[in-house]
Amino acid sequence: MNRLKRILDLIEKILHEFRPTVSVVRHEVDSQAVTEYIYIRILFPKVNAVVTLREYWKSRKLIAYGYYVRVKAYEEWWDNRPHHPEVPTFPHHRHT
């Protein structure tokens, strides 16, 4: 079972009562390079919210990620892009 299947099963298990629209925007697996890229968008129309998940895995190690949440006008996201070296948790950081 690949990571995408596990994530979709988890979303269904936890969020099914909210009836979100789940879209796999992009999914790439390279078995030779042992990589997997996942990009999922979850929409919650009743509360005007969206969640996106992006992960890039290589040899069972999470290399890059980005998690984004927007509820009405509030936005927050987390990623590990190396563009804020001043943050103590570099490269992991949060935007609000």
C-alpha atoms as a PDB file:
ATOM      1  CA  MET A   1       0.000   0.000   0.000  1.00  0.00           C
ATOM      2  CA  ASN A   2       1.447   3.372  -0.979  1.00  0.00           C
ATOM      3  CA  ARG A   3       1.325   6.489   1.149  1.00  0.00           C
ATOM      4  CA  LEU A   4      -1.434   8.060  -0.933  1.00  0.00           C
ATOM      5  CA  LYS A   5      -3.821   5.200  -0.133  1.00  0.00           C
ATOM      6  CA  ARG A   6      -3.009   5.429   3.580  1.00  0.00           C
ATOM      7  CA  ILE A   7      -3.578   9.209   3.603  1.00  0.00           C
ATOM      8  CA  LEU A   8      -6.892   8.946   1.734  1.00  0.00           C
ATOM      9  CA  ASP A   9      -8.066   6.204   4.112  1.00  0.00           C
ATOM     10  CA  LEU A  10      -7.127   8.372   7.098  1.00  0.00           C
ATOM     11  CA  ILE A  11      -8.954  11.395   5.656  1.00  0.00           C
ATOM     12  CA  GLU A  12     -12.052   9.256   5.115  1.00  0.00           C
ATOM     13  CA  LYS A  13     -11.868   7.818   8.630  1.00  0.00           C
ATOM     14  CA  ILE A  14     -11.405  11.158  10.419  1.00  0.00           C
ATOM     15  CA  LEU A  15     -13.296  13.641   8.246  1.00  0.00           C
ATOM     16  CA  HIS A  16     -16.132  11.629   6.653  1.00  0.00           C
ATOM     17  CA  GLU A  17     -18.849  13.264   8.770  1.00  0.00           C
ATOM     18  CA  PHE A  18     -17.918  16.686   7.334  1.00  0.00           C
ATOM     19  CA  ARG A  19     -18.388  15.397   3.775  1.00  0.00           C
ATOM     20  CA  PRO A  20     -15.323  17.070   2.280  1.00  0.00           C
ATOM     21  CA  THR A  21     -14.459  17.028  -1.393  1.00  0.00           C
ATOM     22  CA  VAL A  22     -11.084  15.327  -1.658  1.00  0.00           C
ATOM     23  CA  SER A  23      -8.999  15.774  -4.815  1.00  0.00           C
ATOM     24  CA  VAL A  24      -5.700  14.191  -5.635  1.00  0.00           C
ATOM     25  CA  VAL A  25      -4.150  17.071  -7.542  1.00  0.00           C
ATOM     26  CA  ARG A  26      -0.936  15.234  -8.282  1.00  0.00           C
ATOM     27  CA  HIS A  27       0.560  11.873  -7.410  1.00  0.00           C
ATOM     28  CA  GLU A  28       3.825  10.570  -8.777  1.00  0.00           C
ATOM     29  CA  VAL A  29       5.646   7.389  -7.856  1.00  0.00           C
ATOM     30  CA  ASP A  30       9.073   6.462  -9.181  1.00  0.00           C
ATOM     31  CA  SER A  31       9.864   2.960  -8.007  1.00  0.00           C
ATOM     32  CA  GLN A  32      13.385   3.088  -9.438  1.00  0.00           C
ATOM     33  CA  ALA A  33      14.264   6.265  -7.555  1.00  0.00           C
ATOM     34  CA  VAL A  34      12.109   5.151  -4.587  1.00  0.00           C
ATOM     35  CA  THR A  35      10.252   8.484  -4.524  1.00  0.00           C
ATOM     36  CA  GLU A  36       6.646   9.500  -4.056  1.00  0.00           C
ATOM     37  CA  TYR A  37       5.107  12.960  -4.447  1.00  0.00           C
ATOM     38  CA  ILE A  38       1.626  13.588  -3.052  1.00  0.00           C
ATOM     39  CA  TYR A  39      -0.525  16.704  -3.442  1.00  0.00           C
ATOM     40  CA  ILE A  40      -4.067  16.538  -2.040  1.00  0.00           C
ATOM     41  CA  ARG A  41      -6.713  19.273  -1.731  1.00  0.00           C
ATOM     42  CA  ILE A  42      -9.601  18.914   0.732  1.00  0.00           C
ATOM     43  CA  LEU A  43     -12.535  21.329   0.433  1.00  0.00           C
ATOM     44  CA  PHE A  44     -15.144  21.985   3.095  1.00  0.00           C
ATOM     45  CA  PRO A  45     -17.749  24.130   1.290  1.00  0.00           C
ATOM     46  CA  LYS A  46     -20.160  24.446   4.234  1.00  0.00           C
ATOM     47  CA  VAL A  47     -17.549  26.283   6.324  1.00  0.00           C
ATOM     48  CA  ASN A  48     -15.589  27.897   3.465  1.00  0.00           C
ATOM     49  CA  ALA A  49     -12.400  26.001   4.297  1.00  0.00           C
ATOM     50  CA  VAL A  50      -9.622  24.267   2.405  1.00  0.00           C
ATOM     51  CA  VAL A  51      -6.708  22.066   3.463  1.00  0.00           C
ATOM     52  CA  THR A  52      -3.833  21.088   1.185  1.00  0.00           C
ATOM     53  CA  LEU A  53      -1.162  18.502   1.837  1.00  0.00           C
ATOM     54  CA  ARG A  54       2.050  18.190  -0.142  1.00  0.00           C
ATOM     55  CA  GLU A  55       4.726  15.640   0.626  1.00  0.00           C
ATOM     56  CA  TYR A  56       7.809  14.421  -1.187  1.00  0.00           C
ATOM     57  CA  TRP A  57       9.276  11.146   0.044  1.00  0.00           C
ATOM     58  CA  LYS A  58      12.526   9.490  -0.938  1.00  0.00           C
ATOM     59  CA  SER A  59      13.636   6.101   0.386  1.00  0.00           C
ATOM     60  CA  ARG A  60      11.011   6.248   3.166  1.00  0.00           C
ATOM     61  CA  LYS A  61      12.255   9.651   4.337  1.00  0.00           C
ATOM     62  CA  LEU A  62      10.118  12.797   4.191  1.00  0.00           C
ATOM     63  CA  ILE A  63      12.244  15.241   2.195  1.00  0.00           C
ATOM     64  CA  ALA A  64       9.861  18.159   1.699  1.00  0.00           C
ATOM     65  CA  TYR A  65       6.374  19.034   2.901  1.00  0.00           C
ATOM     66  CA  GLY A  66       3.814  21.796   2.927  1.00  0.00           C
ATOM     67  CA  TYR A  67       0.533  21.791   4.836  1.00  0.00           C
ATOM     68  CA  TYR A  68      -1.928  24.631   4.303  1.00  0.00           C
ATOM     69  CA  VAL A  69      -5.203  25.494   6.090  1.00  0.00           C
ATOM     70  CA  ARG A  70      -7.628  28.272   5.218  1.00  0.00           C
ATOM     71  CA  VAL A  71     -10.882  28.822   7.085  1.00  0.00           C
ATOM     72  CA  LYS A  72     -12.801  31.826   5.760  1.00  0.00           C
ATOM     73  CA  ALA A  73     -10.201  34.662   5.818  1.00  0.00           C
ATOM     74  CA  TYR A  74      -7.713  32.968   8.177  1.00  0.00           C
ATOM     75  CA  GLU A  75      -4.696  31.220   6.647  1.00  0.00           C
ATOM     76  CA  GLU A  76      -1.891  29.216   8.196  1.00  0.00           C
ATOM     77  CA  TRP A  77       0.683  26.852   6.718  1.00  0.00           C
ATOM     78  CA  TRP A  78       3.737  24.857   7.630  1.00  0.00           C
ATOM     79  CA  ASP A  79       6.630  23.803   5.456  1.00  0.00           C
ATOM     80  CA  ASN A  80      10.311  23.002   5.437  1.00  0.00           C
ATOM     81  CA  ARG A  81      11.485  25.208   2.584  1.00  0.00           C
ATOM     82  CA  PRO A  82      14.852  26.674   3.515  1.00  0.00           C
ATOM     83  CA  HIS A  83      13.871  30.341   3.148  1.00  0.00           C
ATOM     84  CA  HIS A  84      13.826  31.401   6.815  1.00  0.00           C
ATOM     85  CA  PRO A  85      17.257  30.561   8.303  1.00  0.00           C
ATOM     86  CA  GLU A  86      16.612  32.915  11.246  1.00  0.00           C
ATOM     87  CA  VAL A  87      13.913  30.600  12.668  1.00  0.00           C
ATOM     88  CA  PRO A  88      15.158  28.342  15.508  1.00  0.00           C
ATOM     89  CA  THR A  89      13.410  25.305  13.976  1.00  0.00           C
ATOM     90  CA  PHE A  90      14.995  25.911  10.548  1.00  0.00           C
ATOM     91  CA  PRO A  91      14.094  24.681   8.006  1.00  0.00           C
ATOM     92  CA  HIS A  92      10.756  23.725   9.632  1.00  0.00           C
ATOM     93  CA  HIS A  93       8.514  26.744  10.181  1.00  0.00           C
ATOM     94  CA  ARG A  94       4.973  28.114  10.276  1.00  0.00           C
ATOM     95  CA  HIS A  95       3.340  31.001   8.421  1.00  0.00           C
ATOM     96  CA  THR A  96       0.256  32.833   9.690  1.00  0.00           C
END
